[in-house]
């Protein structure tokens, strides 16, 4: 199946690959997918997390295989199924699924954000739900699934220690953050606070962030309240690329530094971000590099 479907930048659309686990339907952003392979024999790893089936090596590349049914508590069968090979957060991981049904182009506006009954305490593994005809397609939070298996693949919070030791005061540079994951939002805000950026406006998606910007513009306080924008890419209602497009095409906001901080910063996504005018693009483990980029861009703007 061809997963190389290109979308125009900043249209607030995404391609979702629909697959099944048992009788249930799930989805993954096509941008995370490298390829889809038929089941191959894997080599088990002693003392590995129970969700990890083992490893295999197509074309001399070692890939960890994650059994999604085990991760979300669905009974396993003898069905060999397929491997969805992904690349995000600089990791190559295969997710073992039953069947792939096709690709759907949808708008982020049409993705229903799970409420607290589903993602209580940020522990859920769903980032959104798509209603399509007579079925619901649940978009899984693959970053959280992998982080739960191996926490060191998430944000490298130890990278912030050097900034925390300096006891810096960067409170004069307020930051607007758009991040839909409650867990990642807390980690990012905590890390920025430790590095001296104590004045933060935190929003759950691009639409909330843009609404805040418009509110400040109307009040004439935009440049007092926003010195830098940090945005994820994958978010309901409005994604980070659409937010970037709006911000960089607006005369009042185009000079505000905007950093895309996402697990999806691969070669193709980087080209899209550059085309839209993002000032920096970083993958999510690089929280130390994020602080460095904020320092550089905010300082450069203040001296201009």
C-alpha atoms as a PDB file:
ATOM      1  CA  UNK A   1       0.000   0.000   0.000  1.00  0.00           C
ATOM      2  CA  UNK A   2       1.308   3.424  -0.944  1.00  0.00           C
ATOM      3  CA  UNK A   3       1.525   5.587   2.161  1.00  0.00           C
ATOM      4  CA  UNK A   4       3.344   8.426   0.427  1.00  0.00           C
ATOM      5  CA  UNK A   5       0.287  10.626   0.001  1.00  0.00           C
ATOM      6  CA  UNK A   6       1.347  14.253   0.044  1.00  0.00           C
ATOM      7  CA  UNK A   7      -0.876  16.921   1.530  1.00  0.00           C
ATOM      8  CA  UNK A   8      -0.554  20.619   0.926  1.00  0.00           C
ATOM      9  CA  UNK A   9       1.002  22.426   3.854  1.00  0.00           C
ATOM     10  CA  UNK A  10      -1.223  24.194   6.361  1.00  0.00           C
ATOM     11  CA  UNK A  11      -4.602  22.862   5.141  1.00  0.00           C
ATOM     12  CA  UNK A  12      -5.443  21.353   8.567  1.00  0.00           C
ATOM     13  CA  UNK A  13      -5.847  17.905   7.015  1.00  0.00           C
ATOM     14  CA  UNK A  14      -4.204  14.575   7.673  1.00  0.00           C
ATOM     15  CA  UNK A  15      -4.203  11.095   6.196  1.00  0.00           C
ATOM     16  CA  UNK A  16      -5.255   8.340   8.609  1.00  0.00           C
ATOM     17  CA  UNK A  17      -4.475   4.681   7.990  1.00  0.00           C
ATOM     18  CA  UNK A  18      -7.332   2.511   9.280  1.00  0.00           C
ATOM     19  CA  UNK A  19      -6.431  -0.906  10.702  1.00  0.00           C
ATOM     20  CA  UNK A  20      -8.065  -3.521  12.908  1.00  0.00           C
ATOM     21  CA  UNK A  21      -7.287  -5.299  16.154  1.00  0.00           C
ATOM     22  CA  UNK A  22      -9.890  -8.015  16.521  1.00  0.00           C
ATOM     23  CA  UNK A  23     -13.249  -6.462  15.643  1.00  0.00           C
ATOM     24  CA  UNK A  24     -12.160  -2.946  16.576  1.00  0.00           C
ATOM     25  CA  UNK A  25     -11.055  -0.179  14.217  1.00  0.00           C
ATOM     26  CA  UNK A  26      -8.067   2.058  14.904  1.00  0.00           C
ATOM     27  CA  UNK A  27      -6.074   4.732  13.101  1.00  0.00           C
ATOM     28  CA  UNK A  28      -2.570   6.117  12.760  1.00  0.00           C
ATOM     29  CA  UNK A  29      -1.356   9.273  11.032  1.00  0.00           C
ATOM     30  CA  UNK A  30       0.176   8.253   7.689  1.00  0.00           C
ATOM     31  CA  UNK A  31       3.029  10.693   8.345  1.00  0.00           C
ATOM     32  CA  UNK A  32       4.337   8.293  10.988  1.00  0.00           C
ATOM     33  CA  UNK A  33       4.445   5.315   8.607  1.00  0.00           C
ATOM     34  CA  UNK A  34       7.503   4.143   6.660  1.00  0.00           C
ATOM     35  CA  UNK A  35       5.962   1.016   5.135  1.00  0.00           C
ATOM     36  CA  UNK A  36       3.608  -1.898   5.752  1.00  0.00           C
ATOM     37  CA  UNK A  37       4.938  -5.470   5.724  1.00  0.00           C
ATOM     38  CA  UNK A  38       3.432  -8.932   6.000  1.00  0.00           C
ATOM     39  CA  UNK A  39       4.117 -10.665   9.296  1.00  0.00           C
ATOM     40  CA  UNK A  40       7.684 -11.879   9.668  1.00  0.00           C
ATOM     41  CA  UNK A  41       9.223 -14.146  12.273  1.00  0.00           C
ATOM     42  CA  UNK A  42      10.603 -12.165  15.198  1.00  0.00           C
ATOM     43  CA  UNK A  43      13.337 -12.989  17.692  1.00  0.00           C
ATOM     44  CA  UNK A  44      12.173 -12.629  21.319  1.00  0.00           C
ATOM     45  CA  UNK A  45      14.292 -10.512  23.678  1.00  0.00           C
ATOM     46  CA  UNK A  46      14.811 -11.860  27.220  1.00  0.00           C
ATOM     47  CA  UNK A  47      13.295  -9.716  30.004  1.00  0.00           C
ATOM     48  CA  UNK A  48      11.741  -7.279  27.520  1.00  0.00           C
ATOM     49  CA  UNK A  49       8.519  -5.432  28.262  1.00  0.00           C
ATOM     50  CA  UNK A  50       5.526  -7.816  27.780  1.00  0.00           C
ATOM     51  CA  UNK A  51       4.222  -5.627  24.943  1.00  0.00           C
ATOM     52  CA  UNK A  52       7.429  -6.180  22.969  1.00  0.00           C
ATOM     53  CA  UNK A  53       7.276  -9.296  20.786  1.00  0.00           C
ATOM     54  CA  UNK A  54      10.933  -9.077  19.841  1.00  0.00           C
ATOM     55  CA  UNK A  55      13.034  -7.799  16.974  1.00  0.00           C
ATOM     56  CA  UNK A  56      13.495  -8.461  13.277  1.00  0.00           C
ATOM     57  CA  UNK A  57      15.860  -7.085  10.641  1.00  0.00           C
ATOM     58  CA  UNK A  58      14.478  -6.220   7.226  1.00  0.00           C
ATOM     59  CA  UNK A  59      17.257  -4.911   4.949  1.00  0.00           C
ATOM     60  CA  UNK A  60      19.798  -4.892   7.812  1.00  0.00           C
ATOM     61  CA  UNK A  61      17.756  -2.459   9.913  1.00  0.00           C
ATOM     62  CA  UNK A  62      16.924  -3.774  13.384  1.00  0.00           C
ATOM     63  CA  UNK A  63      13.319  -2.954  14.320  1.00  0.00           C
ATOM     64  CA  UNK A  64      11.484  -3.557  17.592  1.00  0.00           C
ATOM     65  CA  UNK A  65       8.058  -5.193  17.201  1.00  0.00           C
ATOM     66  CA  UNK A  66       5.291  -4.001  19.538  1.00  0.00           C
ATOM     67  CA  UNK A  67       2.167  -6.142  19.945  1.00  0.00           C
ATOM     68  CA  UNK A  68      -0.656  -3.598  20.024  1.00  0.00           C
ATOM     69  CA  UNK A  69      -3.217  -6.099  21.291  1.00  0.00           C
ATOM     70  CA  UNK A  70      -1.163  -6.682  24.420  1.00  0.00           C
ATOM     71  CA  UNK A  71      -0.734  -2.925  24.905  1.00  0.00           C
ATOM     72  CA  UNK A  72      -4.447  -2.171  24.926  1.00  0.00           C
ATOM     73  CA  UNK A  73      -5.761  -5.423  26.405  1.00  0.00           C
ATOM     74  CA  UNK A  74      -7.321  -7.201  23.408  1.00  0.00           C
ATOM     75  CA  UNK A  75      -7.265 -11.002  23.302  1.00  0.00           C
ATOM     76  CA  UNK A  76      -4.613 -12.383  20.947  1.00  0.00           C
ATOM     77  CA  UNK A  77      -5.350 -14.851  18.144  1.00  0.00           C
ATOM     78  CA  UNK A  78      -3.254 -16.993  15.814  1.00  0.00           C
ATOM     79  CA  UNK A  79      -3.734 -14.457  13.023  1.00  0.00           C
ATOM     80  CA  UNK A  80      -0.259 -13.471  11.808  1.00  0.00           C
ATOM     81  CA  UNK A  81      -1.450 -10.100  10.544  1.00  0.00           C
ATOM     82  CA  UNK A  82       0.776  -7.239   9.408  1.00  0.00           C
ATOM     83  CA  UNK A  83       3.543  -4.968  10.645  1.00  0.00           C
ATOM     84  CA  UNK A  84       3.032  -1.208  10.372  1.00  0.00           C
ATOM     85  CA  UNK A  85       6.596   0.157  10.326  1.00  0.00           C
ATOM     86  CA  UNK A  86       6.785   3.640  11.831  1.00  0.00           C
ATOM     87  CA  UNK A  87       9.345   6.344  12.330  1.00  0.00           C
ATOM     88  CA  UNK A  88       8.845   9.057  14.951  1.00  0.00           C
ATOM     89  CA  UNK A  89      10.957  10.520  17.746  1.00  0.00           C
ATOM     90  CA  UNK A  90      13.929   9.149  15.763  1.00  0.00           C
ATOM     91  CA  UNK A  91      12.776   5.575  16.427  1.00  0.00           C
ATOM     92  CA  UNK A  92      11.928   2.768  13.996  1.00  0.00           C
ATOM     93  CA  UNK A  93       9.184   0.598  15.479  1.00  0.00           C
ATOM     94  CA  UNK A  94       6.863  -2.039  14.000  1.00  0.00           C
ATOM     95  CA  UNK A  95       3.327  -2.291  15.378  1.00  0.00           C
ATOM     96  CA  UNK A  96       1.725  -5.727  14.957  1.00  0.00           C
ATOM     97  CA  UNK A  97      -1.899  -5.400  13.762  1.00  0.00           C
ATOM     98  CA  UNK A  98      -4.497  -7.730  12.255  1.00  0.00           C
ATOM     99  CA  UNK A  99      -5.556  -6.061   9.017  1.00  0.00           C
ATOM    100  CA  UNK A 100      -5.130  -2.762   7.146  1.00  0.00           C
ATOM    101  CA  UNK A 101      -8.333  -1.425   5.592  1.00  0.00           C
ATOM    102  CA  UNK A 102      -7.318   1.788   3.827  1.00  0.00           C
ATOM    103  CA  UNK A 103      -6.438   5.458   4.080  1.00  0.00           C
ATOM    104  CA  UNK A 104      -8.843   8.311   4.813  1.00  0.00           C
ATOM    105  CA  UNK A 105      -8.221  12.023   4.334  1.00  0.00           C
ATOM    106  CA  UNK A 106      -9.854  13.954   7.157  1.00  0.00           C
ATOM    107  CA  UNK A 107      -9.757  17.412   8.687  1.00  0.00           C
ATOM    108  CA  UNK A 108      -8.516  17.888  12.229  1.00  0.00           C
ATOM    109  CA  UNK A 109     -11.790  19.742  12.815  1.00  0.00           C
ATOM    110  CA  UNK A 110     -13.650  16.434  12.341  1.00  0.00           C
ATOM    111  CA  UNK A 111     -11.608  14.530  14.924  1.00  0.00           C
ATOM    112  CA  UNK A 112     -13.377  14.239  18.263  1.00  0.00           C
ATOM    113  CA  UNK A 113     -11.101  14.835  21.238  1.00  0.00           C
ATOM    114  CA  UNK A 114     -11.553  12.143  23.948  1.00  0.00           C
ATOM    115  CA  UNK A 115     -12.895  13.555  27.194  1.00  0.00           C
ATOM    116  CA  UNK A 116     -11.672  12.886  30.734  1.00  0.00           C
ATOM    117  CA  UNK A 117     -13.745   9.697  31.023  1.00  0.00           C
ATOM    118  CA  UNK A 118     -11.552   8.144  28.319  1.00  0.00           C
ATOM    119  CA  UNK A 119      -8.214   9.802  29.010  1.00  0.00           C
ATOM    120  CA  UNK A 120      -8.460  10.182  32.780  1.00  0.00           C
ATOM    121  CA  UNK A 121      -5.309  11.639  34.262  1.00  0.00           C
ATOM    122  CA  UNK A 122      -3.620  11.554  30.866  1.00  0.00           C
ATOM    123  CA  UNK A 123      -3.401   7.751  31.091  1.00  0.00           C
ATOM    124  CA  UNK A 124      -5.446   6.956  27.988  1.00  0.00           C
ATOM    125  CA  UNK A 125      -3.889   5.975  24.680  1.00  0.00           C
ATOM    126  CA  UNK A 126      -6.370   7.666  22.352  1.00  0.00           C
ATOM    127  CA  UNK A 127      -5.709  11.084  20.816  1.00  0.00           C
ATOM    128  CA  UNK A 128      -8.983  11.292  18.902  1.00  0.00           C
ATOM    129  CA  UNK A 129     -11.990   9.517  17.423  1.00  0.00           C
ATOM    130  CA  UNK A 130     -13.299   9.653  13.855  1.00  0.00           C
ATOM    131  CA  UNK A 131     -16.926   8.799  13.169  1.00  0.00           C
ATOM    132  CA  UNK A 132     -17.137   7.277   9.704  1.00  0.00           C
ATOM    133  CA  UNK A 133     -20.478   5.928   8.471  1.00  0.00           C
ATOM    134  CA  UNK A 134     -21.501   3.216  10.979  1.00  0.00           C
ATOM    135  CA  UNK A 135     -18.166   2.834  12.799  1.00  0.00           C
ATOM    136  CA  UNK A 136     -15.791   4.676  15.085  1.00  0.00           C
ATOM    137  CA  UNK A 137     -12.077   4.790  14.309  1.00  0.00           C
ATOM    138  CA  UNK A 138      -9.927   5.398  17.368  1.00  0.00           C
ATOM    139  CA  UNK A 139      -6.651   7.195  16.695  1.00  0.00           C
ATOM    140  CA  UNK A 140      -4.078   5.755  19.054  1.00  0.00           C
ATOM    141  CA  UNK A 141      -1.386   7.743  20.855  1.00  0.00           C
ATOM    142  CA  UNK A 142       1.621   5.792  19.606  1.00  0.00           C
ATOM    143  CA  UNK A 143       4.110   8.111  21.331  1.00  0.00           C
ATOM    144  CA  UNK A 144       2.535   7.375  24.705  1.00  0.00           C
ATOM    145  CA  UNK A 145       2.424   3.642  23.974  1.00  0.00           C
ATOM    146  CA  UNK A 146       6.159   3.659  23.256  1.00  0.00           C
ATOM    147  CA  UNK A 147       6.976   5.932  26.202  1.00  0.00           C
ATOM    148  CA  UNK A 148       5.050   3.633  28.562  1.00  0.00           C
ATOM    149  CA  UNK A 149       7.169   0.730  27.300  1.00  0.00           C
ATOM    150  CA  UNK A 150      10.447   2.666  27.457  1.00  0.00           C
ATOM    151  CA  UNK A 151      10.267   6.005  29.354  1.00  0.00           C
ATOM    152  CA  UNK A 152      13.705   7.140  28.172  1.00  0.00           C
ATOM    153  CA  UNK A 153      12.309   7.481  24.640  1.00  0.00           C
ATOM    154  CA  UNK A 154      10.184  10.435  25.820  1.00  0.00           C
ATOM    155  CA  UNK A 155      11.462  13.898  26.700  1.00  0.00           C
ATOM    156  CA  UNK A 156      15.056  13.925  27.921  1.00  0.00           C
ATOM    157  CA  UNK A 157      14.231  16.019  30.978  1.00  0.00           C
ATOM    158  CA  UNK A 158      17.772  15.580  32.345  1.00  0.00           C
ATOM    159  CA  UNK A 159      18.920  17.924  29.553  1.00  0.00           C
ATOM    160  CA  UNK A 160      17.301  20.758  31.516  1.00  0.00           C
ATOM    161  CA  UNK A 161      19.482  20.267  34.603  1.00  0.00           C
ATOM    162  CA  UNK A 162      22.181  22.619  33.322  1.00  0.00           C
ATOM    163  CA  UNK A 163      19.626  25.417  32.872  1.00  0.00           C
ATOM    164  CA  UNK A 164      18.004  24.764  36.255  1.00  0.00           C
ATOM    165  CA  UNK A 165      21.399  24.993  38.007  1.00  0.00           C
ATOM    166  CA  UNK A 166      21.934  28.461  36.536  1.00  0.00           C
ATOM    167  CA  UNK A 167      18.676  29.673  38.172  1.00  0.00           C
ATOM    168  CA  UNK A 168      17.960  31.866  35.175  1.00  0.00           C
ATOM    169  CA  UNK A 169      15.148  34.406  35.077  1.00  0.00           C
ATOM    170  CA  UNK A 170      13.517  34.512  31.635  1.00  0.00           C
ATOM    171  CA  UNK A 171      10.112  35.602  32.940  1.00  0.00           C
ATOM    172  CA  UNK A 172      10.241  38.653  30.702  1.00  0.00           C
ATOM    173  CA  UNK A 173       9.731  36.416  27.665  1.00  0.00           C
ATOM    174  CA  UNK A 174       6.229  34.882  27.779  1.00  0.00           C
ATOM    175  CA  UNK A 175       5.699  31.733  25.717  1.00  0.00           C
ATOM    176  CA  UNK A 176       2.521  30.459  24.071  1.00  0.00           C
ATOM    177  CA  UNK A 177       2.362  26.648  23.922  1.00  0.00           C
ATOM    178  CA  UNK A 178       0.017  24.482  21.822  1.00  0.00           C
ATOM    179  CA  UNK A 179       0.168  20.812  22.894  1.00  0.00           C
ATOM    180  CA  UNK A 180      -2.786  18.420  23.135  1.00  0.00           C
ATOM    181  CA  UNK A 181      -1.171  15.686  25.248  1.00  0.00           C
ATOM    182  CA  UNK A 182      -1.719  16.479  28.968  1.00  0.00           C
ATOM    183  CA  UNK A 183       1.359  14.450  29.898  1.00  0.00           C
ATOM    184  CA  UNK A 184       3.671  16.112  27.379  1.00  0.00           C
ATOM    185  CA  UNK A 185       2.213  19.544  28.071  1.00  0.00           C
ATOM    186  CA  UNK A 186       3.079  19.187  31.759  1.00  0.00           C
ATOM    187  CA  UNK A 187       6.576  17.905  30.995  1.00  0.00           C
ATOM    188  CA  UNK A 188       7.252  20.754  28.555  1.00  0.00           C
ATOM    189  CA  UNK A 189       5.919  23.458  30.869  1.00  0.00           C
ATOM    190  CA  UNK A 190       7.828  22.046  33.845  1.00  0.00           C
ATOM    191  CA  UNK A 191      11.062  21.939  31.850  1.00  0.00           C
ATOM    192  CA  UNK A 192      10.626  25.484  30.549  1.00  0.00           C
ATOM    193  CA  UNK A 193       9.827  26.719  34.044  1.00  0.00           C
ATOM    194  CA  UNK A 194      13.034  25.140  35.367  1.00  0.00           C
ATOM    195  CA  UNK A 195      14.976  26.863  32.601  1.00  0.00           C
ATOM    196  CA  UNK A 196      13.587  30.269  33.648  1.00  0.00           C
ATOM    197  CA  UNK A 197      10.582  30.660  31.352  1.00  0.00           C
ATOM    198  CA  UNK A 198       7.975  31.005  34.082  1.00  0.00           C
ATOM    199  CA  UNK A 199       5.419  33.041  32.121  1.00  0.00           C
ATOM    200  CA  UNK A 200       3.525  30.585  29.910  1.00  0.00           C
ATOM    201  CA  UNK A 201       0.159  30.411  28.182  1.00  0.00           C
ATOM    202  CA  UNK A 202      -0.776  26.766  27.634  1.00  0.00           C
ATOM    203  CA  UNK A 203      -3.400  25.690  25.088  1.00  0.00           C
ATOM    204  CA  UNK A 204      -4.645  22.271  23.991  1.00  0.00           C
ATOM    205  CA  UNK A 205      -4.564  22.747  20.212  1.00  0.00           C
ATOM    206  CA  UNK A 206      -3.839  25.176  17.404  1.00  0.00           C
ATOM    207  CA  UNK A 207      -7.337  26.631  17.476  1.00  0.00           C
ATOM    208  CA  UNK A 208      -7.087  27.559  21.162  1.00  0.00           C
ATOM    209  CA  UNK A 209      -3.655  29.073  20.541  1.00  0.00           C
ATOM    210  CA  UNK A 210      -4.882  31.121  17.578  1.00  0.00           C
ATOM    211  CA  UNK A 211      -7.917  32.290  19.562  1.00  0.00           C
ATOM    212  CA  UNK A 212      -5.536  33.533  22.279  1.00  0.00           C
ATOM    213  CA  UNK A 213      -3.438  35.351  19.702  1.00  0.00           C
ATOM    214  CA  UNK A 214      -6.541  37.003  18.234  1.00  0.00           C
ATOM    215  CA  UNK A 215      -7.674  37.981  21.730  1.00  0.00           C
ATOM    216  CA  UNK A 216      -4.335  39.661  22.443  1.00  0.00           C
ATOM    217  CA  UNK A 217      -4.358  41.375  19.034  1.00  0.00           C
ATOM    218  CA  UNK A 218      -7.791  42.814  19.695  1.00  0.00           C
ATOM    219  CA  UNK A 219      -6.675  44.103  23.088  1.00  0.00           C
ATOM    220  CA  UNK A 220      -3.447  45.532  21.669  1.00  0.00           C
ATOM    221  CA  UNK A 221      -1.358  43.388  24.040  1.00  0.00           C
ATOM    222  CA  UNK A 222      -0.016  40.725  21.666  1.00  0.00           C
ATOM    223  CA  UNK A 223       3.659  41.654  21.891  1.00  0.00           C
ATOM    224  CA  UNK A 224       3.468  41.972  25.672  1.00  0.00           C
ATOM    225  CA  UNK A 225       1.995  38.486  26.048  1.00  0.00           C
ATOM    226  CA  UNK A 226       3.648  36.371  23.331  1.00  0.00           C
ATOM    227  CA  UNK A 227       7.390  36.439  22.638  1.00  0.00           C
ATOM    228  CA  UNK A 228       7.575  32.898  21.260  1.00  0.00           C
ATOM    229  CA  UNK A 229       5.152  30.211  20.027  1.00  0.00           C
ATOM    230  CA  UNK A 230       5.782  26.484  20.502  1.00  0.00           C
ATOM    231  CA  UNK A 231       3.478  24.074  18.710  1.00  0.00           C
ATOM    232  CA  UNK A 232       2.995  20.368  18.239  1.00  0.00           C
ATOM    233  CA  UNK A 233       1.898  19.166  14.782  1.00  0.00           C
ATOM    234  CA  UNK A 234      -0.773  16.561  15.556  1.00  0.00           C
ATOM    235  CA  UNK A 235      -3.659  18.235  17.389  1.00  0.00           C
ATOM    236  CA  UNK A 236      -7.461  18.163  17.079  1.00  0.00           C
ATOM    237  CA  UNK A 237      -9.443  21.125  15.691  1.00  0.00           C
ATOM    238  CA  UNK A 238      -6.332  22.816  14.272  1.00  0.00           C
ATOM    239  CA  UNK A 239      -2.930  21.232  13.750  1.00  0.00           C
ATOM    240  CA  UNK A 240       0.438  22.908  14.186  1.00  0.00           C
ATOM    241  CA  UNK A 241       1.059  23.417  10.480  1.00  0.00           C
ATOM    242  CA  UNK A 242      -2.204  25.336  10.099  1.00  0.00           C
ATOM    243  CA  UNK A 243      -1.321  27.443  13.154  1.00  0.00           C
ATOM    244  CA  UNK A 244       2.105  28.133  11.647  1.00  0.00           C
ATOM    245  CA  UNK A 245       0.555  29.180   8.338  1.00  0.00           C
ATOM    246  CA  UNK A 246      -1.873  31.567  10.046  1.00  0.00           C
ATOM    247  CA  UNK A 247       0.816  33.082  12.269  1.00  0.00           C
ATOM    248  CA  UNK A 248       3.354  33.583   9.491  1.00  0.00           C
ATOM    249  CA  UNK A 249       0.843  35.098   7.048  1.00  0.00           C
ATOM    250  CA  UNK A 250      -0.412  37.641   9.593  1.00  0.00           C
ATOM    251  CA  UNK A 251       1.382  41.002   9.664  1.00  0.00           C
ATOM    252  CA  UNK A 252       1.124  41.293  13.460  1.00  0.00           C
ATOM    253  CA  UNK A 253       2.421  37.800  14.259  1.00  0.00           C
ATOM    254  CA  UNK A 254       4.817  36.922  11.436  1.00  0.00           C
ATOM    255  CA  UNK A 255       7.882  38.175  13.341  1.00  0.00           C
ATOM    256  CA  UNK A 256       7.101  36.249  16.532  1.00  0.00           C
ATOM    257  CA  UNK A 257       9.465  33.229  16.687  1.00  0.00           C
ATOM    258  CA  UNK A 258       7.573  29.978  16.112  1.00  0.00           C
ATOM    259  CA  UNK A 259       9.047  26.572  16.942  1.00  0.00           C
ATOM    260  CA  UNK A 260       7.526  23.283  15.828  1.00  0.00           C
ATOM    261  CA  UNK A 261       8.212  20.719  18.577  1.00  0.00           C
ATOM    262  CA  UNK A 262       6.865  17.359  17.463  1.00  0.00           C
ATOM    263  CA  UNK A 263       7.597  13.659  17.173  1.00  0.00           C
ATOM    264  CA  UNK A 264       6.858  14.022  13.444  1.00  0.00           C
ATOM    265  CA  UNK A 265       9.794  16.186  12.388  1.00  0.00           C
ATOM    266  CA  UNK A 266      11.070  13.899   9.628  1.00  0.00           C
ATOM    267  CA  UNK A 267      12.504  15.010   6.287  1.00  0.00           C
ATOM    268  CA  UNK A 268       9.123  15.542   4.603  1.00  0.00           C
ATOM    269  CA  UNK A 269       7.599  17.320   7.595  1.00  0.00           C
ATOM    270  CA  UNK A 270      10.667  19.525   7.931  1.00  0.00           C
ATOM    271  CA  UNK A 271      10.214  20.686   4.326  1.00  0.00           C
ATOM    272  CA  UNK A 272       6.567  21.509   5.053  1.00  0.00           C
ATOM    273  CA  UNK A 273       7.492  23.450   8.179  1.00  0.00           C
ATOM    274  CA  UNK A 274      10.163  25.406   6.319  1.00  0.00           C
ATOM    275  CA  UNK A 275       7.706  26.248   3.542  1.00  0.00           C
ATOM    276  CA  UNK A 276       5.263  27.590   6.132  1.00  0.00           C
ATOM    277  CA  UNK A 277       7.922  29.753   7.762  1.00  0.00           C
ATOM    278  CA  UNK A 278       8.667  27.943  11.044  1.00  0.00           C
ATOM    279  CA  UNK A 279      11.735  29.452  12.702  1.00  0.00           C
ATOM    280  CA  UNK A 280      12.900  26.120  14.154  1.00  0.00           C
ATOM    281  CA  UNK A 281      11.785  22.480  14.124  1.00  0.00           C
ATOM    282  CA  UNK A 282      12.784  19.941  16.762  1.00  0.00           C
ATOM    283  CA  UNK A 283      11.852  16.394  17.672  1.00  0.00           C
ATOM    284  CA  UNK A 284      10.277  15.845  21.065  1.00  0.00           C
ATOM    285  CA  UNK A 285      13.105  14.106  22.900  1.00  0.00           C
ATOM    286  CA  UNK A 286      15.268  17.216  22.381  1.00  0.00           C
ATOM    287  CA  UNK A 287      13.901  19.380  25.217  1.00  0.00           C
ATOM    288  CA  UNK A 288      17.379  20.802  25.881  1.00  0.00           C
ATOM    289  CA  UNK A 289      17.665  21.888  22.251  1.00  0.00           C
ATOM    290  CA  UNK A 290      14.200  23.436  22.546  1.00  0.00           C
ATOM    291  CA  UNK A 291      15.355  25.729  25.346  1.00  0.00           C
ATOM    292  CA  UNK A 292      18.469  26.599  23.346  1.00  0.00           C
ATOM    293  CA  UNK A 293      16.324  27.473  20.300  1.00  0.00           C
ATOM    294  CA  UNK A 294      13.970  29.633  22.382  1.00  0.00           C
ATOM    295  CA  UNK A 295      16.919  31.511  23.890  1.00  0.00           C
ATOM    296  CA  UNK A 296      18.465  32.133  20.472  1.00  0.00           C
ATOM    297  CA  UNK A 297      15.276  33.252  18.719  1.00  0.00           C
ATOM    298  CA  UNK A 298      13.899  35.396  21.565  1.00  0.00           C
ATOM    299  CA  UNK A 299      17.262  37.110  22.115  1.00  0.00           C
ATOM    300  CA  UNK A 300      17.717  37.765  18.396  1.00  0.00           C
ATOM    301  CA  UNK A 301      14.272  39.339  18.134  1.00  0.00           C
ATOM    302  CA  UNK A 302      14.811  41.555  21.185  1.00  0.00           C
ATOM    303  CA  UNK A 303      18.052  42.854  19.701  1.00  0.00           C
ATOM    304  CA  UNK A 304      16.574  43.509  16.248  1.00  0.00           C
END
